[in-house]
Amino acid sequence: MRVDARERAAWLDAGWWHDALRDADEATLRSLTADRERPLGMLHGPAAALRLEAEGEQRGEVLEAIRWHTIGSTAWARTGRALYMADFLEPGRQFMQADRAFLADRVPEAFDAVFRQVVRLRLEWTIREGKSLATETVALWNAVR
């Protein structure tokens, strides 16, 4: 995709940092976020965003992309949407490889349409697996459908 240097840097940084605390233990993640309610798998994004902000990161679009990359946000600009898609479309994942490759190839010319499809696929997977839907995820679907 052709994006300006500022946006490219934001996308790359969000990509590098979004999973910085993915393997942190529960006590660390709950301590960083002060969140006692959300499932453990939803905490590494908020924890990473808080740590980056404490270390001086000031770009709101990067922090919000990282903070909500597991569940989505209606407040996102393109950085958050790009990270959400990249996290799902990552080539190394073993599920739906052909479908995800097709979607990844379409991102440059159909960014918003692919984003909508990724939101839908992630929502379907969550329901199929019997997991709870985060309020933010439902709001995101309602905003893009």
Protein backbone atom coordinates (compact mmCIF):
# COMPACT_ATOMS: atom_id res chain seq x y z
CA MET A 1 0.00 0.00 0.00
CA ARG A 2 1.07 3.52 -0.56
CA VAL A 3 0.85 5.30 2.77
CA ASP A 4 2.75 8.36 3.89
CA ALA A 5 5.83 8.02 6.10
CA ARG A 6 4.02 9.02 9.31
CA GLU A 7 1.27 6.46 8.82
CA ARG A 8 3.75 3.77 7.76
CA ALA A 9 5.77 4.36 10.94
CA ALA A 10 2.61 4.15 13.07
CA TRP A 11 1.57 0.88 11.41
CA LEU A 12 5.03 -0.66 11.79
CA ASP A 13 5.35 0.39 15.43
CA ALA A 14 1.88 -0.92 16.28
CA GLY A 15 2.80 -4.19 14.60
CA TRP A 16 6.06 -4.49 16.50
CA TRP A 17 4.63 -3.63 19.92
CA HIS A 18 1.09 -5.03 19.99
CA ASP A 19 2.11 -8.41 21.39
CA ALA A 20 5.00 -7.17 23.55
CA LEU A 21 3.31 -8.52 26.69
CA ARG A 22 1.40 -11.44 25.17
CA ASP A 23 3.40 -13.97 27.18
CA ALA A 24 3.38 -12.04 30.46
CA ASP A 25 1.89 -13.81 33.44
CA GLU A 26 -1.56 -13.01 34.74
CA ALA A 27 -0.34 -11.17 37.84
CA THR A 28 1.75 -8.81 35.71
CA LEU A 29 -1.05 -8.10 33.25
CA ARG A 30 -3.64 -7.50 35.96
CA SER A 31 -1.22 -5.30 37.86
CA LEU A 32 -0.44 -3.18 34.79
CA THR A 33 -4.08 -2.80 33.74
CA ALA A 34 -5.82 -2.91 37.15
CA ASP A 35 -8.42 -5.00 35.28
CA ARG A 36 -9.87 -7.82 37.37
CA GLU A 37 -12.82 -8.59 35.08
CA ARG A 38 -11.70 -9.27 31.52
CA PRO A 39 -10.39 -12.67 30.47
CA LEU A 40 -6.61 -12.96 30.56
CA GLY A 41 -6.33 -13.14 26.76
CA MET A 42 -7.74 -9.61 26.45
CA LEU A 43 -5.19 -7.95 28.75
CA HIS A 44 -1.91 -7.99 26.85
CA GLY A 45 -2.99 -5.21 24.47
CA PRO A 46 -4.08 -2.77 27.17
CA ALA A 47 -1.01 -3.64 29.25
CA ALA A 48 1.35 -3.04 26.32
CA ALA A 49 -0.33 0.29 25.50
CA LEU A 50 -0.06 1.45 29.11
CA ARG A 51 3.60 0.46 29.31
CA LEU A 52 4.41 2.17 26.00
CA GLU A 53 2.62 5.31 27.11
CA ALA A 54 4.57 5.28 30.40
CA GLU A 55 7.76 4.98 28.36
CA GLY A 56 6.88 8.05 26.30
CA GLU A 57 4.80 6.89 23.32
CA GLN A 58 2.45 9.76 22.49
CA ARG A 59 0.79 8.75 19.22
CA GLY A 60 -2.80 8.12 20.17
CA GLU A 61 -3.54 6.04 17.08
CA VAL A 62 -0.67 3.66 17.93
CA LEU A 63 -1.69 3.34 21.57
CA GLU A 64 -5.35 2.76 20.72
CA ALA A 65 -4.48 0.23 18.02
CA ILE A 66 -2.39 -1.76 20.47
CA ARG A 67 -4.86 -1.36 23.35
CA TRP A 68 -7.82 -2.80 21.45
CA HIS A 69 -6.22 -5.10 18.86
CA THR A 70 -7.79 -8.25 20.32
CA ILE A 71 -11.39 -7.01 20.48
CA GLY A 72 -11.67 -3.95 18.23
CA SER A 73 -12.68 -0.34 18.68
CA THR A 74 -15.15 1.97 16.96
CA ALA A 75 -12.78 4.89 17.64
CA TRP A 76 -10.02 3.50 15.44
CA ALA A 77 -8.51 5.30 12.52
CA ARG A 78 -6.59 3.34 9.89
CA THR A 79 -3.74 2.31 12.22
CA GLY A 80 -6.07 0.32 14.48
CA ARG A 81 -7.90 -1.17 11.54
CA ALA A 82 -4.65 -2.12 9.83
CA LEU A 83 -3.33 -3.81 12.97
CA TYR A 84 -6.60 -5.69 13.54
CA MET A 85 -6.47 -7.02 9.99
CA ALA A 86 -2.75 -7.81 10.09
CA ASP A 87 -3.12 -9.71 13.33
CA PHE A 88 -5.81 -11.90 11.73
CA LEU A 89 -4.30 -12.15 8.24
CA GLU A 90 -0.76 -12.96 9.39
CA PRO A 91 0.56 -15.58 6.93
CA GLY A 92 2.06 -17.84 9.62
CA ARG A 93 -1.31 -18.77 11.08
CA GLN A 94 -2.55 -22.24 10.20
CA PHE A 95 -6.30 -21.68 9.78
CA MET A 96 -8.17 -20.57 6.65
CA GLN A 97 -4.89 -20.05 4.82
CA ALA A 98 -6.29 -19.62 1.31
CA ASP A 99 -9.13 -17.33 2.45
CA ARG A 100 -6.83 -15.18 4.55
CA ALA A 101 -4.26 -14.93 1.74
CA PHE A 102 -7.02 -13.81 -0.62
CA LEU A 103 -8.15 -11.13 1.83
CA ALA A 104 -4.58 -9.98 2.50
CA ASP A 105 -4.02 -9.51 -1.23
CA ARG A 106 -7.14 -7.32 -1.43
CA VAL A 107 -6.23 -4.94 1.41
CA PRO A 108 -4.48 -2.33 -0.79
CA GLU A 109 -7.47 -1.75 -3.07
CA ALA A 110 -10.32 -2.68 -0.69
CA PHE A 111 -9.09 -1.68 2.78
CA ASP A 112 -12.52 -0.99 4.30
CA ALA A 113 -14.22 -4.00 2.72
CA VAL A 114 -11.50 -6.36 3.92
CA PHE A 115 -11.66 -4.80 7.39
CA ARG A 116 -15.40 -5.48 7.52
CA GLN A 117 -14.84 -9.08 6.43
CA VAL A 118 -12.13 -9.61 9.06
CA VAL A 119 -14.43 -8.23 11.77
CA ARG A 120 -17.14 -10.61 10.58
CA LEU A 121 -14.84 -13.63 10.51
CA ARG A 122 -13.46 -12.92 13.97
CA LEU A 123 -16.97 -12.43 15.33
CA GLU A 124 -18.14 -15.70 13.76
CA TRP A 125 -15.17 -17.58 15.25
CA THR A 126 -15.88 -16.16 18.71
CA ILE A 127 -19.51 -17.26 18.52
CA ARG A 128 -18.64 -20.68 17.07
CA GLU A 129 -16.15 -21.27 19.90
CA GLY A 130 -18.81 -20.36 22.47
CA LYS A 131 -16.84 -17.42 23.80
CA SER A 132 -18.32 -14.22 25.17
CA LEU A 133 -18.53 -11.21 22.89
CA ALA A 134 -16.84 -8.09 24.19
CA THR A 135 -19.07 -5.03 24.15
CA GLU A 136 -16.44 -3.27 22.02
CA THR A 137 -16.53 -6.07 19.43
CA VAL A 138 -20.29 -5.88 19.09
CA ALA A 139 -20.11 -2.09 18.76
CA LEU A 140 -17.43 -2.44 16.07
CA TRP A 141 -19.57 -4.88 14.09
CA ASN A 142 -22.58 -2.57 14.37
CA ALA A 143 -20.44 0.30 13.10
CA VAL A 144 -19.09 -1.51 10.01
CA ARG A 145 -21.95 -3.78 8.91
